[in-house]
Amino acid sequence: MTSSRSLRVVFVCTQNKLRSPTAEAIFARHPGWQVASAGTAQKAETPLTRDLLEWADVAVCMEKRHRDWIRSRLKGTIPDDRMLILGIPDDYEFMDPDLVALLTRLVPARLEHMVARITQRPETAREL
């Protein structure tokens, strides 16, 4: 991330009703981040699109299958090293306190680590 703009993060789950909107709500005011959320299902509240992935610096996927969906359906839109898999199953309601605690614990540390790793490799740093 450059000092000229915020890190753009899209949170991805299946229906965009519970997990990714929770993450978006939690991190909406995180300093230095712009966030959005989307789902991989056709009938998701906000379907994940090529445009949204092109906007994002990083895609935070709730499960491996969401990353795999991006790889197969929107191939080449975002590099693999810009996709983070959290491993959070679809077992939570919107703003479930356990989900909020899990996201709050996992996301900032993992994103900071990912951004640090990416920016150390100039060939993949593209405006991060």
N, C-alpha and C. Protein backbone atom coordinates (compact mmCIF):
# COMPACT_ATOMS: atom_id res chain seq x y z
N MET A 1 0.84 -1.18 0.00
CA MET A 1 0.00 0.00 0.00
C MET A 1 0.88 1.24 0.00
N THR A 2 0.56 2.16 -0.84
CA THR A 2 1.28 3.42 -0.84
C THR A 2 0.60 4.37 0.12
N SER A 3 1.31 5.40 0.50
CA SER A 3 0.72 6.38 1.42
C SER A 3 -0.33 7.24 0.72
N SER A 4 -0.40 7.15 -0.62
CA SER A 4 -1.34 7.99 -1.35
C SER A 4 -2.77 7.47 -1.35
N ARG A 5 -2.97 6.19 -1.04
CA ARG A 5 -4.33 5.67 -1.01
C ARG A 5 -4.45 4.49 -0.06
N SER A 6 -5.68 4.18 0.27
CA SER A 6 -5.98 3.11 1.20
C SER A 6 -5.85 1.74 0.53
N LEU A 7 -5.64 0.73 1.35
CA LEU A 7 -5.67 -0.64 0.89
C LEU A 7 -7.12 -1.01 0.60
N ARG A 8 -7.39 -1.54 -0.59
CA ARG A 8 -8.76 -1.90 -0.98
C ARG A 8 -8.95 -3.41 -0.80
N VAL A 9 -9.90 -3.74 0.07
CA VAL A 9 -10.13 -5.13 0.48
C VAL A 9 -11.56 -5.53 0.14
N VAL A 10 -11.72 -6.67 -0.55
CA VAL A 10 -13.05 -7.23 -0.77
C VAL A 10 -13.14 -8.53 0.01
N PHE A 11 -14.17 -8.65 0.83
CA PHE A 11 -14.44 -9.86 1.60
C PHE A 11 -15.42 -10.71 0.81
N VAL A 12 -15.11 -12.01 0.71
CA VAL A 12 -15.89 -12.91 -0.16
C VAL A 12 -16.42 -14.10 0.61
N CYS A 13 -17.73 -14.34 0.47
CA CYS A 13 -18.33 -15.58 0.95
C CYS A 13 -19.28 -16.07 -0.15
N THR A 14 -20.24 -16.88 0.18
CA THR A 14 -21.11 -17.45 -0.85
C THR A 14 -22.29 -16.54 -1.19
N GLN A 15 -23.14 -16.27 -0.23
CA GLN A 15 -24.38 -15.51 -0.48
C GLN A 15 -24.24 -14.02 -0.20
N ASN A 16 -23.15 -13.61 0.41
CA ASN A 16 -22.96 -12.21 0.80
C ASN A 16 -24.11 -11.74 1.70
N LYS A 17 -24.47 -12.62 2.66
CA LYS A 17 -25.54 -12.27 3.60
C LYS A 17 -25.06 -12.28 5.05
N LEU A 18 -24.06 -13.09 5.37
CA LEU A 18 -23.67 -13.27 6.76
C LEU A 18 -22.20 -12.95 7.02
N ARG A 19 -21.30 -13.78 6.51
CA ARG A 19 -19.89 -13.65 6.86
C ARG A 19 -19.22 -12.43 6.23
N SER A 20 -19.29 -12.30 4.91
CA SER A 20 -18.58 -11.16 4.29
C SER A 20 -19.21 -9.81 4.64
N PRO A 21 -20.54 -9.69 4.75
CA PRO A 21 -21.09 -8.41 5.20
C PRO A 21 -20.69 -8.08 6.65
N THR A 22 -20.55 -9.12 7.48
CA THR A 22 -20.07 -8.89 8.84
C THR A 22 -18.66 -8.32 8.80
N ALA A 23 -17.81 -8.92 7.99
CA ALA A 23 -16.44 -8.42 7.87
C ALA A 23 -16.42 -6.99 7.34
N GLU A 24 -17.24 -6.72 6.35
CA GLU A 24 -17.31 -5.37 5.80
C GLU A 24 -17.75 -4.38 6.88
N ALA A 25 -18.75 -4.75 7.66
CA ALA A 25 -19.23 -3.85 8.73
C ALA A 25 -18.16 -3.62 9.79
N ILE A 26 -17.46 -4.66 10.16
CA ILE A 26 -16.43 -4.54 11.20
C ILE A 26 -15.29 -3.62 10.74
N PHE A 27 -14.85 -3.79 9.51
CA PHE A 27 -13.65 -3.09 9.05
C PHE A 27 -13.95 -1.84 8.22
N ALA A 28 -15.20 -1.43 8.15
CA ALA A 28 -15.57 -0.25 7.35
C ALA A 28 -14.84 1.01 7.79
N ARG A 29 -14.52 1.10 9.04
CA ARG A 29 -13.83 2.30 9.56
C ARG A 29 -12.38 2.04 9.93
N HIS A 30 -11.85 0.91 9.47
CA HIS A 30 -10.45 0.59 9.76
C HIS A 30 -9.56 1.61 9.06
N PRO A 31 -8.65 2.23 9.79
CA PRO A 31 -7.79 3.25 9.17
C PRO A 31 -6.93 2.65 8.05
N GLY A 32 -6.94 3.32 6.93
CA GLY A 32 -6.11 2.90 5.81
C GLY A 32 -6.71 1.83 4.93
N TRP A 33 -7.96 1.45 5.18
CA TRP A 33 -8.61 0.43 4.36
C TRP A 33 -9.89 0.99 3.76
N GLN A 34 -10.18 0.57 2.54
CA GLN A 34 -11.49 0.71 1.92
C GLN A 34 -11.99 -0.71 1.75
N VAL A 35 -13.22 -0.99 2.16
CA VAL A 35 -13.70 -2.37 2.13
C VAL A 35 -15.00 -2.50 1.37
N ALA A 36 -15.22 -3.70 0.87
CA ALA A 36 -16.45 -4.08 0.19
C ALA A 36 -16.65 -5.57 0.48
N SER A 37 -17.82 -6.08 0.14
CA SER A 37 -18.07 -7.51 0.27
C SER A 37 -18.91 -7.98 -0.89
N ALA A 38 -18.78 -9.27 -1.19
CA ALA A 38 -19.52 -9.85 -2.30
C ALA A 38 -19.60 -11.36 -2.11
N GLY A 39 -20.47 -11.99 -2.90
CA GLY A 39 -20.64 -13.43 -2.83
C GLY A 39 -20.42 -14.10 -4.17
N THR A 40 -20.11 -15.38 -4.11
CA THR A 40 -19.82 -16.14 -5.33
C THR A 40 -21.08 -16.75 -5.95
N ALA A 41 -22.17 -16.83 -5.21
CA ALA A 41 -23.41 -17.41 -5.74
C ALA A 41 -24.10 -16.44 -6.70
N GLN A 42 -24.80 -16.99 -7.68
CA GLN A 42 -25.52 -16.15 -8.64
C GLN A 42 -26.53 -15.24 -7.96
N LYS A 43 -27.16 -15.72 -6.92
CA LYS A 43 -28.18 -14.93 -6.23
C LYS A 43 -27.65 -14.26 -4.97
N ALA A 44 -26.34 -14.03 -4.91
CA ALA A 44 -25.75 -13.33 -3.77
C ALA A 44 -26.31 -11.92 -3.69
N GLU A 45 -26.35 -11.38 -2.49
CA GLU A 45 -26.82 -10.00 -2.30
C GLU A 45 -26.04 -9.05 -3.21
N THR A 46 -24.72 -9.17 -3.20
CA THR A 46 -23.84 -8.45 -4.13
C THR A 46 -22.96 -9.51 -4.78
N PRO A 47 -23.22 -9.88 -6.01
CA PRO A 47 -22.39 -10.89 -6.68
C PRO A 47 -20.98 -10.38 -6.93
N LEU A 48 -20.02 -11.26 -6.76
CA LEU A 48 -18.62 -10.92 -7.04
C LEU A 48 -18.43 -10.76 -8.54
N THR A 49 -17.85 -9.66 -8.96
CA THR A 49 -17.64 -9.38 -10.38
C THR A 49 -16.16 -9.12 -10.66
N ARG A 50 -15.84 -9.20 -11.92
CA ARG A 50 -14.49 -8.88 -12.38
C ARG A 50 -14.13 -7.44 -11.98
N ASP A 51 -15.07 -6.51 -12.16
CA ASP A 51 -14.81 -5.11 -11.81
C ASP A 51 -14.46 -4.94 -10.34
N LEU A 52 -15.19 -5.62 -9.47
CA LEU A 52 -14.92 -5.51 -8.05
C LEU A 52 -13.55 -6.08 -7.70
N LEU A 53 -13.20 -7.20 -8.31
CA LEU A 53 -11.86 -7.76 -8.06
C LEU A 53 -10.76 -6.89 -8.63
N GLU A 54 -11.02 -6.25 -9.75
CA GLU A 54 -10.02 -5.34 -10.32
C GLU A 54 -9.84 -4.11 -9.44
N TRP A 55 -10.90 -3.69 -8.74
CA TRP A 55 -10.81 -2.58 -7.80
C TRP A 55 -9.96 -2.96 -6.59
N ALA A 56 -10.10 -4.20 -6.14
CA ALA A 56 -9.47 -4.66 -4.90
C ALA A 56 -7.98 -4.90 -5.04
N ASP A 57 -7.27 -4.59 -3.96
CA ASP A 57 -5.87 -4.99 -3.85
C ASP A 57 -5.78 -6.42 -3.32
N VAL A 58 -6.74 -6.77 -2.46
CA VAL A 58 -6.73 -8.07 -1.78
C VAL A 58 -8.16 -8.60 -1.71
N ALA A 59 -8.30 -9.91 -1.93
CA ALA A 59 -9.58 -10.60 -1.74
C ALA A 59 -9.43 -11.50 -0.52
N VAL A 60 -10.27 -11.28 0.48
CA VAL A 60 -10.26 -12.10 1.69
C VAL A 60 -11.42 -13.08 1.58
N CYS A 61 -11.09 -14.35 1.36
CA CYS A 61 -12.07 -15.40 1.13
C CYS A 61 -12.36 -16.14 2.44
N MET A 62 -13.62 -16.35 2.71
CA MET A 62 -13.99 -17.06 3.93
C MET A 62 -13.57 -18.52 3.89
N GLU A 63 -13.62 -19.13 2.70
CA GLU A 63 -13.26 -20.54 2.56
C GLU A 63 -12.44 -20.74 1.29
N LYS A 64 -11.74 -21.86 1.23
CA LYS A 64 -10.93 -22.21 0.06
C LYS A 64 -11.78 -22.26 -1.21
N ARG A 65 -13.01 -22.71 -1.09
CA ARG A 65 -13.86 -22.83 -2.28
C ARG A 65 -14.14 -21.46 -2.92
N HIS A 66 -14.10 -20.40 -2.13
CA HIS A 66 -14.31 -19.06 -2.69
C HIS A 66 -13.09 -18.64 -3.52
N ARG A 67 -11.90 -18.97 -3.03
CA ARG A 67 -10.70 -18.71 -3.82
C ARG A 67 -10.73 -19.54 -5.10
N ASP A 68 -11.12 -20.79 -4.98
CA ASP A 68 -11.18 -21.67 -6.15
C ASP A 68 -12.19 -21.14 -7.18
N TRP A 69 -13.31 -20.60 -6.71
CA TRP A 69 -14.31 -20.01 -7.60
C TRP A 69 -13.71 -18.83 -8.35
N ILE A 70 -12.99 -17.98 -7.65
CA ILE A 70 -12.34 -16.83 -8.29
C ILE A 70 -11.35 -17.32 -9.33
N ARG A 71 -10.56 -18.31 -8.98
CA ARG A 71 -9.57 -18.86 -9.92
C ARG A 71 -10.23 -19.40 -11.19
N SER A 72 -11.37 -20.06 -11.05
CA SER A 72 -12.00 -20.68 -12.22
C SER A 72 -12.89 -19.72 -13.01
N ARG A 73 -13.63 -18.86 -12.33
CA ARG A 73 -14.60 -18.00 -13.01
C ARG A 73 -14.06 -16.63 -13.39
N LEU A 74 -13.12 -16.13 -12.60
CA LEU A 74 -12.58 -14.79 -12.86
C LEU A 74 -11.06 -14.85 -12.96
N LYS A 75 -10.61 -15.89 -13.63
CA LYS A 75 -9.18 -16.18 -13.77
C LYS A 75 -8.39 -14.95 -14.23
N GLY A 76 -7.27 -14.74 -13.56
CA GLY A 76 -6.36 -13.66 -13.94
C GLY A 76 -6.75 -12.29 -13.41
N THR A 77 -7.87 -12.19 -12.71
CA THR A 77 -8.32 -10.89 -12.22
C THR A 77 -7.50 -10.42 -11.03
N ILE A 78 -7.14 -11.35 -10.16
CA ILE A 78 -6.35 -11.01 -8.98
C ILE A 78 -5.35 -12.15 -8.76
N PRO A 79 -4.08 -11.82 -8.53
CA PRO A 79 -3.07 -12.87 -8.35
C PRO A 79 -3.33 -13.70 -7.09
N ASP A 80 -2.88 -14.94 -7.12
CA ASP A 80 -3.05 -15.84 -5.98
C ASP A 80 -2.46 -15.25 -4.69
N ASP A 81 -1.35 -14.54 -4.81
CA ASP A 81 -0.73 -14.01 -3.60
C ASP A 81 -1.49 -12.82 -3.02
N ARG A 82 -2.59 -12.44 -3.68
CA ARG A 82 -3.45 -11.36 -3.18
C ARG A 82 -4.78 -11.90 -2.67
N MET A 83 -4.87 -13.23 -2.55
CA MET A 83 -6.08 -13.85 -2.02
C MET A 83 -5.74 -14.52 -0.69
N LEU A 84 -6.49 -14.16 0.32
CA LEU A 84 -6.30 -14.69 1.66
C LEU A 84 -7.48 -15.58 1.99
N ILE A 85 -7.20 -16.78 2.49
CA ILE A 85 -8.26 -17.71 2.88
C ILE A 85 -8.29 -17.77 4.41
N LEU A 86 -9.46 -17.46 4.98
CA LEU A 86 -9.59 -17.45 6.43
C LEU A 86 -9.99 -18.80 7.01
N GLY A 87 -10.66 -19.64 6.24
CA GLY A 87 -11.12 -20.93 6.75
C GLY A 87 -12.27 -20.81 7.73
N ILE A 88 -13.18 -19.88 7.47
CA ILE A 88 -14.33 -19.67 8.35
C ILE A 88 -15.56 -20.29 7.69
N PRO A 89 -16.10 -21.36 8.29
CA PRO A 89 -17.26 -22.04 7.70
C PRO A 89 -18.53 -21.21 7.83
N ASP A 90 -19.55 -21.61 7.10
CA ASP A 90 -20.83 -20.90 7.08
C ASP A 90 -21.68 -21.35 8.28
N ASP A 91 -21.16 -21.07 9.48
CA ASP A 91 -21.81 -21.49 10.72
C ASP A 91 -22.27 -20.32 11.58
N TYR A 92 -22.27 -19.12 11.04
CA TYR A 92 -22.51 -17.93 11.84
C TYR A 92 -23.63 -17.09 11.25
N GLU A 93 -24.30 -16.33 12.11
CA GLU A 93 -25.28 -15.35 11.69
C GLU A 93 -24.57 -14.01 11.48
N PHE A 94 -25.24 -13.07 10.85
CA PHE A 94 -24.69 -11.73 10.66
C PHE A 94 -24.39 -11.11 12.02
N MET A 95 -23.18 -10.60 12.18
CA MET A 95 -22.67 -9.95 13.38
C MET A 95 -22.69 -10.86 14.62
N ASP A 96 -22.64 -12.17 14.41
CA ASP A 96 -22.52 -13.12 15.52
C ASP A 96 -21.27 -12.74 16.32
N PRO A 97 -21.37 -12.62 17.64
CA PRO A 97 -20.21 -12.22 18.44
C PRO A 97 -18.98 -13.11 18.24
N ASP A 98 -19.19 -14.41 18.05
CA ASP A 98 -18.06 -15.31 17.81
C ASP A 98 -17.41 -15.03 16.46
N LEU A 99 -18.23 -14.73 15.46
CA LEU A 99 -17.69 -14.39 14.14
C LEU A 99 -16.94 -13.06 14.20
N VAL A 100 -17.50 -12.09 14.88
CA VAL A 100 -16.85 -10.78 15.03
C VAL A 100 -15.48 -10.96 15.71
N ALA A 101 -15.43 -11.75 16.77
CA ALA A 101 -14.17 -11.99 17.48
C ALA A 101 -13.16 -12.68 16.57
N LEU A 102 -13.61 -13.66 15.81
CA LEU A 102 -12.73 -14.40 14.91
C LEU A 102 -12.17 -13.48 13.82
N LEU A 103 -13.03 -12.72 13.19
CA LEU A 103 -12.59 -11.80 12.14
C LEU A 103 -11.64 -10.73 12.69
N THR A 104 -11.96 -10.21 13.84
CA THR A 104 -11.13 -9.17 14.46
C THR A 104 -9.75 -9.71 14.80
N ARG A 105 -9.69 -10.96 15.17
CA ARG A 105 -8.40 -11.58 15.50
C ARG A 105 -7.60 -11.95 14.25
N LEU A 106 -8.26 -12.48 13.24
CA LEU A 106 -7.55 -13.01 12.08
C LEU A 106 -7.19 -11.99 11.00
N VAL A 107 -8.13 -11.15 10.65
CA VAL A 107 -7.97 -10.33 9.44
C VAL A 107 -6.83 -9.32 9.53
N PRO A 108 -6.76 -8.45 10.52
CA PRO A 108 -5.69 -7.43 10.50
C PRO A 108 -4.29 -8.04 10.47
N ALA A 109 -4.03 -9.03 11.30
CA ALA A 109 -2.70 -9.63 11.34
C ALA A 109 -2.34 -10.31 10.03
N ARG A 110 -3.28 -11.07 9.49
CA ARG A 110 -2.99 -11.79 8.23
C ARG A 110 -2.84 -10.83 7.05
N LEU A 111 -3.64 -9.78 7.02
CA LEU A 111 -3.51 -8.81 5.92
C LEU A 111 -2.19 -8.04 6.03
N GLU A 112 -1.82 -7.65 7.24
CA GLU A 112 -0.55 -6.95 7.41
C GLU A 112 0.61 -7.83 6.95
N HIS A 113 0.56 -9.11 7.32
CA HIS A 113 1.61 -10.04 6.90
C HIS A 113 1.62 -10.19 5.38
N MET A 114 0.45 -10.32 4.77
CA MET A 114 0.35 -10.46 3.31
C MET A 114 0.89 -9.22 2.60
N VAL A 115 0.48 -8.06 3.04
CA VAL A 115 0.93 -6.82 2.40
C VAL A 115 2.44 -6.66 2.55
N ALA A 116 2.97 -6.98 3.71
CA ALA A 116 4.42 -6.89 3.91
C ALA A 116 5.16 -7.83 2.96
N ARG A 117 4.65 -9.04 2.80
CA ARG A 117 5.27 -10.03 1.91
C ARG A 117 5.21 -9.55 0.46
N ILE A 118 4.06 -9.03 0.05
CA ILE A 118 3.89 -8.59 -1.33
C ILE A 118 4.79 -7.39 -1.64
N THR A 119 4.83 -6.44 -0.75
CA THR A 119 5.60 -5.22 -1.02
C THR A 119 7.10 -5.45 -0.99
N GLN A 120 7.53 -6.58 -0.46
CA GLN A 120 8.96 -6.92 -0.50
C GLN A 120 9.37 -7.45 -1.87
N ARG A 121 8.38 -7.81 -2.71
CA ARG A 121 8.66 -8.31 -4.06
C ARG A 121 8.15 -7.27 -5.05
N PRO A 122 9.04 -6.45 -5.57
CA PRO A 122 8.61 -5.36 -6.47
C PRO A 122 7.78 -5.81 -7.66
N GLU A 123 8.01 -7.03 -8.15
CA GLU A 123 7.27 -7.49 -9.33
C GLU A 123 5.79 -7.72 -9.03
N THR A 124 5.42 -7.86 -7.76
CA THR A 124 4.01 -8.08 -7.42
C THR A 124 3.44 -6.93 -6.60
N ALA A 125 4.18 -5.90 -6.36
CA ALA A 125 3.74 -4.83 -5.47
C ALA A 125 2.71 -3.89 -6.09
N ARG A 126 2.51 -3.90 -7.37
CA ARG A 126 1.55 -3.06 -8.09
C ARG A 126 0.72 -2.15 -7.18
N GLU A 127 1.22 -0.98 -6.95
CA GLU A 127 0.50 0.09 -6.23
C GLU A 127 -0.01 -0.28 -4.86
N LEU A 128 0.59 -1.26 -4.23
CA LEU A 128 0.17 -1.59 -2.86
C LEU A 128 0.81 -0.65 -1.88
